[in-house]
N, C-alpha and C. Protein backbone atom coordinates (compact mmCIF):
# COMPACT_ATOMS: atom_id res chain seq x y z
N MET A 1 9.70 11.21 -4.96
CA MET A 1 10.16 11.25 -3.59
C MET A 1 11.52 11.92 -3.57
N SER A 2 11.70 12.79 -2.62
CA SER A 2 12.97 13.51 -2.53
C SER A 2 14.07 12.60 -1.99
N ASN A 3 15.31 12.99 -2.26
CA ASN A 3 16.45 12.23 -1.75
C ASN A 3 16.45 12.19 -0.23
N LYS A 4 16.06 13.30 0.39
CA LYS A 4 16.05 13.37 1.84
C LYS A 4 15.03 12.38 2.42
N THR A 5 13.86 12.29 1.81
CA THR A 5 12.83 11.36 2.27
C THR A 5 13.31 9.92 2.12
N PHE A 6 13.90 9.63 0.96
CA PHE A 6 14.42 8.28 0.73
C PHE A 6 15.52 7.93 1.72
N ASP A 7 16.44 8.86 1.93
CA ASP A 7 17.53 8.61 2.87
C ASP A 7 17.01 8.37 4.28
N THR A 8 15.98 9.11 4.66
CA THR A 8 15.37 8.93 5.98
C THR A 8 14.73 7.56 6.08
N LEU A 9 13.98 7.16 5.05
CA LEU A 9 13.34 5.85 5.04
C LEU A 9 14.38 4.74 5.09
N ARG A 10 15.45 4.90 4.32
CA ARG A 10 16.53 3.89 4.31
C ARG A 10 17.19 3.80 5.67
N LEU A 11 17.41 4.92 6.30
CA LEU A 11 18.02 4.94 7.62
C LEU A 11 17.12 4.23 8.64
N VAL A 12 15.83 4.51 8.59
CA VAL A 12 14.89 3.86 9.51
C VAL A 12 14.90 2.35 9.29
N ALA A 13 14.87 1.93 8.03
CA ALA A 13 14.88 0.49 7.72
C ALA A 13 16.18 -0.16 8.20
N THR A 14 17.29 0.54 8.01
CA THR A 14 18.59 0.00 8.41
C THR A 14 18.70 -0.11 9.93
N ILE A 15 18.17 0.85 10.62
CA ILE A 15 18.24 0.84 12.08
C ILE A 15 17.20 -0.12 12.66
N TRP A 16 16.06 -0.24 12.01
CA TRP A 16 14.97 -1.05 12.54
C TRP A 16 15.34 -2.55 12.58
N ALA A 17 16.10 -3.02 11.61
CA ALA A 17 16.45 -4.44 11.56
C ALA A 17 17.21 -4.89 12.82
N PRO A 18 18.25 -4.18 13.25
CA PRO A 18 18.91 -4.59 14.49
C PRO A 18 18.02 -4.44 15.72
N ILE A 19 17.17 -3.42 15.72
CA ILE A 19 16.24 -3.25 16.85
C ILE A 19 15.27 -4.42 16.91
N ALA A 20 14.76 -4.84 15.76
CA ALA A 20 13.84 -5.98 15.72
C ALA A 20 14.52 -7.25 16.21
N THR A 21 15.78 -7.43 15.83
CA THR A 21 16.53 -8.60 16.29
C THR A 21 16.73 -8.55 17.80
N PHE A 22 17.05 -7.38 18.31
CA PHE A 22 17.22 -7.20 19.75
C PHE A 22 15.91 -7.52 20.49
N ILE A 23 14.82 -7.00 19.98
CA ILE A 23 13.52 -7.25 20.60
C ILE A 23 13.21 -8.75 20.60
N ALA A 24 13.46 -9.40 19.47
CA ALA A 24 13.20 -10.83 19.37
C ALA A 24 14.05 -11.63 20.35
N ALA A 25 15.23 -11.13 20.65
CA ALA A 25 16.12 -11.84 21.56
C ALA A 25 15.73 -11.66 23.02
N ILE A 26 15.31 -10.45 23.40
CA ILE A 26 15.10 -10.20 24.83
C ILE A 26 13.67 -10.45 25.33
N LEU A 27 12.67 -10.33 24.47
CA LEU A 27 11.30 -10.49 24.96
C LEU A 27 11.05 -11.84 25.61
N PRO A 28 11.43 -12.94 24.96
CA PRO A 28 11.20 -14.23 25.62
C PRO A 28 12.00 -14.41 26.91
N ILE A 29 13.20 -13.84 26.94
CA ILE A 29 14.03 -13.95 28.14
C ILE A 29 13.34 -13.34 29.35
N TRP A 30 12.72 -12.18 29.13
CA TRP A 30 12.07 -11.46 30.21
C TRP A 30 10.61 -11.86 30.40
N GLY A 31 10.14 -12.79 29.60
CA GLY A 31 8.77 -13.27 29.76
C GLY A 31 7.73 -12.20 29.46
N ALA A 32 8.03 -11.36 28.49
CA ALA A 32 7.11 -10.28 28.14
C ALA A 32 5.79 -10.85 27.61
N PRO A 33 4.69 -10.21 27.98
CA PRO A 33 3.41 -10.67 27.45
C PRO A 33 3.34 -10.41 25.95
N HIS A 34 2.74 -11.32 25.25
CA HIS A 34 2.56 -11.21 23.79
C HIS A 34 3.90 -11.12 23.06
N ALA A 35 4.92 -11.76 23.57
CA ALA A 35 6.25 -11.68 22.96
C ALA A 35 6.23 -12.19 21.53
N GLU A 36 5.57 -13.30 21.30
CA GLU A 36 5.55 -13.87 19.95
C GLU A 36 4.89 -12.92 18.95
N GLU A 37 3.81 -12.29 19.35
CA GLU A 37 3.12 -11.34 18.48
C GLU A 37 4.00 -10.13 18.18
N LEU A 38 4.68 -9.63 19.19
CA LEU A 38 5.57 -8.48 19.00
C LEU A 38 6.74 -8.82 18.09
N ILE A 39 7.29 -10.01 18.27
CA ILE A 39 8.40 -10.44 17.44
C ILE A 39 7.97 -10.54 15.98
N LYS A 40 6.82 -11.17 15.74
CA LYS A 40 6.33 -11.32 14.37
C LYS A 40 6.01 -9.96 13.74
N THR A 41 5.46 -9.06 14.54
CA THR A 41 5.13 -7.74 14.03
C THR A 41 6.38 -6.96 13.65
N THR A 42 7.40 -6.98 14.50
CA THR A 42 8.63 -6.25 14.18
C THR A 42 9.34 -6.88 12.98
N ALA A 43 9.29 -8.19 12.87
CA ALA A 43 9.91 -8.85 11.71
C ALA A 43 9.18 -8.47 10.43
N ALA A 44 7.86 -8.47 10.48
CA ALA A 44 7.08 -8.10 9.30
C ALA A 44 7.32 -6.65 8.91
N LEU A 45 7.41 -5.77 9.88
CA LEU A 45 7.68 -4.36 9.61
C LEU A 45 9.06 -4.18 9.00
N THR A 46 10.02 -4.93 9.47
CA THR A 46 11.38 -4.86 8.91
C THR A 46 11.37 -5.28 7.44
N VAL A 47 10.69 -6.37 7.14
CA VAL A 47 10.61 -6.84 5.76
C VAL A 47 9.92 -5.80 4.88
N LEU A 48 8.83 -5.24 5.37
CA LEU A 48 8.09 -4.24 4.61
C LEU A 48 8.95 -3.00 4.32
N LEU A 49 9.62 -2.48 5.34
CA LEU A 49 10.45 -1.30 5.15
C LEU A 49 11.58 -1.55 4.16
N ASN A 50 12.22 -2.70 4.29
CA ASN A 50 13.33 -3.02 3.38
C ASN A 50 12.84 -3.25 1.95
N ALA A 51 11.67 -3.84 1.79
CA ALA A 51 11.10 -4.01 0.45
C ALA A 51 10.77 -2.66 -0.16
N LEU A 52 10.20 -1.77 0.62
CA LEU A 52 9.87 -0.44 0.13
C LEU A 52 11.12 0.32 -0.29
N VAL A 53 12.16 0.22 0.50
CA VAL A 53 13.43 0.87 0.14
C VAL A 53 13.95 0.31 -1.18
N GLN A 54 13.87 -0.99 -1.35
CA GLN A 54 14.38 -1.61 -2.58
C GLN A 54 13.56 -1.17 -3.79
N VAL A 55 12.25 -1.12 -3.67
CA VAL A 55 11.40 -0.67 -4.78
C VAL A 55 11.72 0.77 -5.15
N LEU A 56 11.83 1.62 -4.14
CA LEU A 56 12.14 3.02 -4.39
C LEU A 56 13.52 3.19 -5.01
N ARG A 57 14.48 2.41 -4.56
CA ARG A 57 15.83 2.47 -5.12
C ARG A 57 15.82 2.05 -6.58
N THR A 58 15.08 1.00 -6.90
CA THR A 58 14.98 0.52 -8.27
C THR A 58 14.34 1.58 -9.17
N GLN A 59 13.28 2.20 -8.70
CA GLN A 59 12.61 3.25 -9.46
C GLN A 59 13.54 4.44 -9.68
N TYR A 60 14.28 4.79 -8.67
CA TYR A 60 15.20 5.92 -8.76
C TYR A 60 16.31 5.66 -9.77
N ASN A 61 16.81 4.44 -9.79
CA ASN A 61 17.92 4.08 -10.68
C ASN A 61 17.51 4.00 -12.15
N LYS A 62 16.23 3.93 -12.44
CA LYS A 62 15.77 3.85 -13.85
C LYS A 62 15.96 5.13 -14.55
């Protein structure tokens, strides 16, 4: 994987975490339909992206 691809993935993961937190905070306030499902999905995606970044970083450092 190129450095540019990794940096892009890391940036997306870094930005996605605050967005997921924001979504989790506002959906219930506004009574959005399927808020719980959306919150769980964004949280799971955040964990997945951050795990992928960590695996790739570990491989790169070897």
